Amino acid sequence: MRRYLIVMVKEPRPGRVKTRLGRDIGMVAAAWWFRHQVARLLRQVDDPRWQVVIAVSPDHAGLKSRVWPAHLPRVAQGPGDLGDRMGRLLRGMPPGPVCIIGADIPGVTPAHIAQAFKALGRNDAVFGPAMDGGYWLVGLKRARGIPATLFEGVRWSTSDALSDTIKSLPGARIALVERLHDVDTAKDLKPSR
């Protein structure tokens, strides 16, 4: 079965993307950082072992955008909170394992993605924890139906996002892969030692 890696992106418009970072470094600089970060990430994770799909927001502008590589397929994220959008993406892909990542994780490599897909061989779900209590990757084997409870009650953008999401998958075999950091503020742009 084909493996799918979905990268969630927003159009890199000042004031519409990375606004917490923008409060620290300016909205134009934050949009510029995001655009270049996504371009680098997409080059990095485009790998023959899986099909990369870009999930765009806003839907209409993102589907027509010339910012993102034309050779990669795109899907609209659609409305709702992060859980609504990720749930729709996980349910809407063709059969096979699916991993979703955010675009603001500078440290992601193909080895990280391969490790996540490998973990799905023995598990129902996989998460890549983030330093802040959230996660940079969620993946599902999708051998059985996706639970209706997935992402229910998750407190997004809090230190409880990962634990809440795991609770929304009762009885699932869950694996964790390497912990990485995402970029939310200017402090996150400096590599930690």
C-alpha atoms as a PDB file:
ATOM      1  CA  MET A   1       0.000   0.000   0.000  1.00  0.00           C
ATOM      2  CA  ARG A   2       1.095   3.524  -0.765  1.00  0.00           C
ATOM      3  CA  ARG A   3       2.238   5.689   2.137  1.00  0.00           C
ATOM      4  CA  TYR A   4       1.171   9.338   2.317  1.00  0.00           C
ATOM      5  CA  LEU A   5       2.917  12.226   4.040  1.00  0.00           C
ATOM      6  CA  ILE A   6       0.673  15.273   4.371  1.00  0.00           C
ATOM      7  CA  VAL A   7       2.364  18.611   5.055  1.00  0.00           C
ATOM      8  CA  MET A   8      -0.044  21.233   6.430  1.00  0.00           C
ATOM      9  CA  VAL A   9       0.696  24.745   5.155  1.00  0.00           C
ATOM     10  CA  LYS A  10      -0.874  28.185   5.130  1.00  0.00           C
ATOM     11  CA  GLU A  11      -0.361  30.792   2.451  1.00  0.00           C
ATOM     12  CA  PRO A  12       2.653  32.819   3.679  1.00  0.00           C
ATOM     13  CA  ARG A  13       0.879  36.170   4.002  1.00  0.00           C
ATOM     14  CA  PRO A  14       1.946  38.672   6.664  1.00  0.00           C
ATOM     15  CA  GLY A  15      -0.504  38.674   9.552  1.00  0.00           C
ATOM     16  CA  ARG A  16      -2.084  35.352   8.465  1.00  0.00           C
ATOM     17  CA  VAL A  17       0.742  32.923   9.215  1.00  0.00           C
ATOM     18  CA  LYS A  18       3.055  32.502  12.244  1.00  0.00           C
ATOM     19  CA  THR A  19       1.450  35.435  14.055  1.00  0.00           C
ATOM     20  CA  ARG A  20       3.051  34.601  17.430  1.00  0.00           C
ATOM     21  CA  LEU A  21       6.448  34.673  15.730  1.00  0.00           C
ATOM     22  CA  GLY A  22       5.340  37.843  13.927  1.00  0.00           C
ATOM     23  CA  ARG A  23       4.718  39.600  17.236  1.00  0.00           C
ATOM     24  CA  ASP A  24       8.400  39.027  18.030  1.00  0.00           C
ATOM     25  CA  ILE A  25      10.097  39.686  14.669  1.00  0.00           C
ATOM     26  CA  GLY A  26       7.426  41.442  12.590  1.00  0.00           C
ATOM     27  CA  MET A  27       4.675  39.943  10.446  1.00  0.00           C
ATOM     28  CA  VAL A  28       6.545  40.337   7.135  1.00  0.00           C
ATOM     29  CA  ALA A  29       9.660  38.648   8.535  1.00  0.00           C
ATOM     30  CA  ALA A  30       7.551  35.815  10.006  1.00  0.00           C
ATOM     31  CA  ALA A  31       5.805  35.218   6.658  1.00  0.00           C
ATOM     32  CA  TRP A  32       9.188  35.295   4.876  1.00  0.00           C
ATOM     33  CA  TRP A  33      10.620  32.771   7.382  1.00  0.00           C
ATOM     34  CA  PHE A  34       7.626  30.464   6.944  1.00  0.00           C
ATOM     35  CA  ARG A  35       7.738  30.575   3.145  1.00  0.00           C
ATOM     36  CA  HIS A  36      11.420  29.656   3.075  1.00  0.00           C
ATOM     37  CA  GLN A  37      11.072  27.079   5.861  1.00  0.00           C
ATOM     38  CA  VAL A  38       8.280  25.312   3.955  1.00  0.00           C
ATOM     39  CA  ALA A  39      10.235  25.350   0.680  1.00  0.00           C
ATOM     40  CA  ARG A  40      13.237  23.779   2.433  1.00  0.00           C
ATOM     41  CA  LEU A  41      11.070  21.235   4.267  1.00  0.00           C
ATOM     42  CA  LEU A  42       9.261  20.141   1.083  1.00  0.00           C
ATOM     43  CA  ARG A  43      12.576  19.628  -0.723  1.00  0.00           C
ATOM     44  CA  GLN A  44      13.872  17.680   2.278  1.00  0.00           C
ATOM     45  CA  VAL A  45      10.929  15.280   2.729  1.00  0.00           C
ATOM     46  CA  ASP A  46      10.071  14.675  -0.948  1.00  0.00           C
ATOM     47  CA  ASP A  47      11.098  11.017  -1.070  1.00  0.00           C
ATOM     48  CA  PRO A  48      10.138   8.043  -3.283  1.00  0.00           C
ATOM     49  CA  ARG A  49       9.218   5.965  -0.202  1.00  0.00           C
ATOM     50  CA  TRP A  50       6.008   7.996   0.248  1.00  0.00           C
ATOM     51  CA  GLN A  51       3.782  10.437  -1.614  1.00  0.00           C
ATOM     52  CA  VAL A  52       3.994  13.982  -0.283  1.00  0.00           C
ATOM     53  CA  VAL A  53       0.672  15.852  -0.350  1.00  0.00           C
ATOM     54  CA  ILE A  54       0.360  19.541   0.577  1.00  0.00           C
ATOM     55  CA  ALA A  55      -2.744  20.393   2.654  1.00  0.00           C
ATOM     56  CA  VAL A  56      -3.362  24.083   1.999  1.00  0.00           C
ATOM     57  CA  SER A  57      -5.167  26.904   3.780  1.00  0.00           C
ATOM     58  CA  PRO A  58      -7.013  29.025   2.881  1.00  0.00           C
ATOM     59  CA  ASP A  59      -8.542  26.451   0.591  1.00  0.00           C
ATOM     60  CA  HIS A  60      -9.200  28.418  -2.606  1.00  0.00           C
ATOM     61  CA  ALA A  61      -6.041  30.548  -2.532  1.00  0.00           C
ATOM     62  CA  GLY A  62      -3.870  27.618  -1.488  1.00  0.00           C
ATOM     63  CA  LEU A  63      -5.088  25.336  -4.262  1.00  0.00           C
ATOM     64  CA  LYS A  64      -4.226  27.988  -6.876  1.00  0.00           C
ATOM     65  CA  SER A  65      -1.053  29.326  -5.222  1.00  0.00           C
ATOM     66  CA  ARG A  66       2.201  29.493  -7.156  1.00  0.00           C
ATOM     67  CA  VAL A  67       4.181  29.571  -3.905  1.00  0.00           C
ATOM     68  CA  TRP A  68       4.167  25.780  -3.463  1.00  0.00           C
ATOM     69  CA  PRO A  69       5.866  23.276  -5.812  1.00  0.00           C
ATOM     70  CA  ALA A  70       3.575  22.461  -8.748  1.00  0.00           C
ATOM     71  CA  HIS A  71       4.637  18.782  -8.897  1.00  0.00           C
ATOM     72  CA  LEU A  72       3.185  17.982  -5.460  1.00  0.00           C
ATOM     73  CA  PRO A  73      -0.542  17.227  -5.178  1.00  0.00           C
ATOM     74  CA  ARG A  74      -2.628  19.550  -3.006  1.00  0.00           C
ATOM     75  CA  VAL A  75      -5.759  19.146  -0.953  1.00  0.00           C
ATOM     76  CA  ALA A  76      -7.780  21.768   0.890  1.00  0.00           C
ATOM     77  CA  GLN A  77      -7.667  21.679   4.690  1.00  0.00           C
ATOM     78  CA  GLY A  78     -11.269  22.845   4.933  1.00  0.00           C
ATOM     79  CA  PRO A  79     -12.974  24.517   7.906  1.00  0.00           C
ATOM     80  CA  GLY A  80     -12.791  23.870  11.632  1.00  0.00           C
ATOM     81  CA  ASP A  81     -10.134  23.612  14.297  1.00  0.00           C
ATOM     82  CA  LEU A  82      -6.897  21.693  13.828  1.00  0.00           C
ATOM     83  CA  GLY A  83      -8.509  18.422  14.897  1.00  0.00           C
ATOM     84  CA  ASP A  84     -11.381  18.839  12.424  1.00  0.00           C
ATOM     85  CA  ARG A  85      -8.933  19.515   9.595  1.00  0.00           C
ATOM     86  CA  MET A  86      -6.507  16.694  10.451  1.00  0.00           C
ATOM     87  CA  GLY A  87      -9.355  14.227  10.960  1.00  0.00           C
ATOM     88  CA  ARG A  88     -10.783  15.086   7.541  1.00  0.00           C
ATOM     89  CA  LEU A  89      -7.346  14.673   5.927  1.00  0.00           C
ATOM     90  CA  LEU A  90      -6.757  11.295   7.602  1.00  0.00           C
ATOM     91  CA  ARG A  91     -10.187  10.031   6.547  1.00  0.00           C
ATOM     92  CA  GLY A  92      -9.988  11.419   3.003  1.00  0.00           C
ATOM     93  CA  MET A  93      -6.740   9.906   1.775  1.00  0.00           C
ATOM     94  CA  PRO A  94      -6.583   6.727  -0.344  1.00  0.00           C
ATOM     95  CA  PRO A  95      -5.906   3.442   1.528  1.00  0.00           C
ATOM     96  CA  GLY A  96      -2.552   3.112   3.265  1.00  0.00           C
ATOM     97  CA  PRO A  97      -0.657   4.589   6.214  1.00  0.00           C
ATOM     98  CA  VAL A  98      -0.821   8.380   6.551  1.00  0.00           C
ATOM     99  CA  CYS A  99       1.390  10.756   8.516  1.00  0.00           C
ATOM    100  CA  ILE A 100       0.675  14.461   8.918  1.00  0.00           C
ATOM    101  CA  ILE A 101       3.316  17.017   9.836  1.00  0.00           C
ATOM    102  CA  GLY A 102       3.321  20.738  10.388  1.00  0.00           C
ATOM    103  CA  ALA A 103       5.522  22.920   8.239  1.00  0.00           C
ATOM    104  CA  ASP A 104       7.218  24.787  11.101  1.00  0.00           C
ATOM    105  CA  ILE A 105       9.569  22.016  12.245  1.00  0.00           C
ATOM    106  CA  PRO A 106      13.091  22.875  11.027  1.00  0.00           C
ATOM    107  CA  GLY A 107      14.656  19.603  12.188  1.00  0.00           C
ATOM    108  CA  VAL A 108      12.499  17.136  10.228  1.00  0.00           C
ATOM    109  CA  THR A 109      14.453  14.769   7.968  1.00  0.00           C
ATOM    110  CA  PRO A 110      13.443  11.838   5.757  1.00  0.00           C
ATOM    111  CA  ALA A 111      14.887   9.555   8.475  1.00  0.00           C
ATOM    112  CA  HIS A 112      12.298  10.905  10.953  1.00  0.00           C
ATOM    113  CA  ILE A 113       9.467  10.250   8.499  1.00  0.00           C
ATOM    114  CA  ALA A 114      10.770   6.747   7.695  1.00  0.00           C
ATOM    115  CA  GLN A 115      10.947   5.997  11.437  1.00  0.00           C
ATOM    116  CA  ALA A 116       7.295   7.053  11.842  1.00  0.00           C
ATOM    117  CA  PHE A 117       6.096   4.872   8.966  1.00  0.00           C
ATOM    118  CA  LYS A 118       8.135   1.954  10.333  1.00  0.00           C
ATOM    119  CA  ALA A 119       6.464   2.406  13.737  1.00  0.00           C
ATOM    120  CA  LEU A 120       3.070   2.102  12.042  1.00  0.00           C
ATOM    121  CA  GLY A 121       4.019  -1.436  11.022  1.00  0.00           C
ATOM    122  CA  ARG A 122       3.547  -2.549  14.642  1.00  0.00           C
ATOM    123  CA  ASN A 123       1.211   0.157  15.942  1.00  0.00           C
ATOM    124  CA  ASP A 124      -2.120   1.804  15.162  1.00  0.00           C
ATOM    125  CA  ALA A 125      -0.875   5.361  15.647  1.00  0.00           C
ATOM    126  CA  VAL A 126       2.407   7.233  15.903  1.00  0.00           C
ATOM    127  CA  PHE A 127       3.244  10.666  17.300  1.00  0.00           C
ATOM    128  CA  GLY A 128       6.304  12.853  17.063  1.00  0.00           C
ATOM    129  CA  PRO A 129       6.257  14.804  20.332  1.00  0.00           C
ATOM    130  CA  ALA A 130       7.200  18.488  20.337  1.00  0.00           C
ATOM    131  CA  MET A 131       9.123  20.139  23.149  1.00  0.00           C
ATOM    132  CA  ASP A 132       6.070  22.192  24.175  1.00  0.00           C
ATOM    133  CA  GLY A 133       3.728  19.259  24.899  1.00  0.00           C
ATOM    134  CA  GLY A 134       2.199  19.190  21.446  1.00  0.00           C
ATOM    135  CA  TYR A 135       3.375  17.116  18.517  1.00  0.00           C
ATOM    136  CA  TRP A 136       5.018  17.673  15.157  1.00  0.00           C
ATOM    137  CA  LEU A 137       3.730  14.434  13.585  1.00  0.00           C
ATOM    138  CA  VAL A 138       0.622  12.289  13.844  1.00  0.00           C
ATOM    139  CA  GLY A 139       0.245   9.121  11.824  1.00  0.00           C
ATOM    140  CA  LEU A 140      -2.320   6.369  11.557  1.00  0.00           C
ATOM    141  CA  LYS A 141      -1.989   2.890  10.118  1.00  0.00           C
ATOM    142  CA  ARG A 142      -5.658   3.064   9.012  1.00  0.00           C
ATOM    143  CA  ALA A 143      -5.995  -0.745   8.907  1.00  0.00           C
ATOM    144  CA  ARG A 144      -9.272  -0.385  10.794  1.00  0.00           C
ATOM    145  CA  GLY A 145     -11.722   2.489  10.790  1.00  0.00           C
ATOM    146  CA  ILE A 146     -10.577   5.767  12.296  1.00  0.00           C
ATOM    147  CA  PRO A 147     -12.251   6.215  15.690  1.00  0.00           C
ATOM    148  CA  ALA A 148     -14.981   8.860  15.788  1.00  0.00           C
ATOM    149  CA  THR A 149     -13.382  10.088  19.042  1.00  0.00           C
ATOM    150  CA  LEU A 150     -10.095  11.040  17.332  1.00  0.00           C
ATOM    151  CA  PHE A 151      -9.090  14.603  18.349  1.00  0.00           C
ATOM    152  CA  GLU A 152     -12.155  14.942  20.606  1.00  0.00           C
ATOM    153  CA  GLY A 153     -11.518  17.181  23.609  1.00  0.00           C
ATOM    154  CA  VAL A 154      -7.966  18.141  22.573  1.00  0.00           C
ATOM    155  CA  ARG A 155      -6.763  21.410  24.080  1.00  0.00           C
ATOM    156  CA  TRP A 156      -4.870  22.735  21.066  1.00  0.00           C
ATOM    157  CA  SER A 157      -1.839  25.015  21.517  1.00  0.00           C
ATOM    158  CA  THR A 158      -1.352  23.843  25.097  1.00  0.00           C
ATOM    159  CA  SER A 159       1.093  21.527  26.825  1.00  0.00           C
ATOM    160  CA  ASP A 160      -1.749  18.964  26.982  1.00  0.00           C
ATOM    161  CA  ALA A 161      -2.296  18.569  23.208  1.00  0.00           C
ATOM    162  CA  LEU A 162      -0.343  15.293  22.894  1.00  0.00           C
ATOM    163  CA  SER A 163      -1.761  13.636  26.012  1.00  0.00           C
ATOM    164  CA  ASP A 164      -5.306  14.730  25.061  1.00  0.00           C
ATOM    165  CA  THR A 165      -4.902  13.305  21.557  1.00  0.00           C
ATOM    166  CA  ILE A 166      -3.584   9.982  22.875  1.00  0.00           C
ATOM    167  CA  LYS A 167      -6.646   9.824  25.175  1.00  0.00           C
ATOM    168  CA  SER A 168      -8.851  10.280  22.092  1.00  0.00           C
ATOM    169  CA  LEU A 169      -7.548   6.930  20.757  1.00  0.00           C
ATOM    170  CA  PRO A 170      -8.676   4.460  23.454  1.00  0.00           C
ATOM    171  CA  GLY A 171      -7.275   0.957  23.021  1.00  0.00           C
ATOM    172  CA  ALA A 172      -4.922   1.936  20.192  1.00  0.00           C
ATOM    173  CA  ARG A 173      -1.304   0.743  20.099  1.00  0.00           C
ATOM    174  CA  ILE A 174       0.672   3.997  20.067  1.00  0.00           C
ATOM    175  CA  ALA A 175       4.334   4.645  19.275  1.00  0.00           C
ATOM    176  CA  LEU A 176       6.362   7.785  19.894  1.00  0.00           C
ATOM    177  CA  VAL A 177       9.241   8.846  17.661  1.00  0.00           C
ATOM    178  CA  GLU A 178      11.910  11.475  18.232  1.00  0.00           C
ATOM    179  CA  ARG A 179      10.991  14.683  20.064  1.00  0.00           C
ATOM    180  CA  LEU A 180      11.607  17.801  17.933  1.00  0.00           C
ATOM    181  CA  HIS A 181      10.950  21.491  18.404  1.00  0.00           C
ATOM    182  CA  ASP A 182       8.632  23.658  16.386  1.00  0.00           C
ATOM    183  CA  VAL A 183       8.870  27.396  15.833  1.00  0.00           C
ATOM    184  CA  ASP A 184       6.219  29.524  17.517  1.00  0.00           C
ATOM    185  CA  THR A 185       8.228  32.504  18.816  1.00  0.00           C
ATOM    186  CA  ALA A 186      11.587  34.180  18.154  1.00  0.00           C
ATOM    187  CA  LYS A 187      13.072  32.180  21.049  1.00  0.00           C
ATOM    188  CA  ASP A 188      12.362  29.005  19.042  1.00  0.00           C
ATOM    189  CA  LEU A 189      14.498  30.228  16.132  1.00  0.00           C
ATOM    190  CA  LYS A 190      17.631  29.792  18.245  1.00  0.00           C
ATOM    191  CA  PRO A 191      18.737  26.157  18.337  1.00  0.00           C
ATOM    192  CA  SER A 192      18.656  24.747  21.864  1.00  0.00           C
ATOM    193  CA  ARG A 193      21.800  23.174  23.258  1.00  0.00           C
END
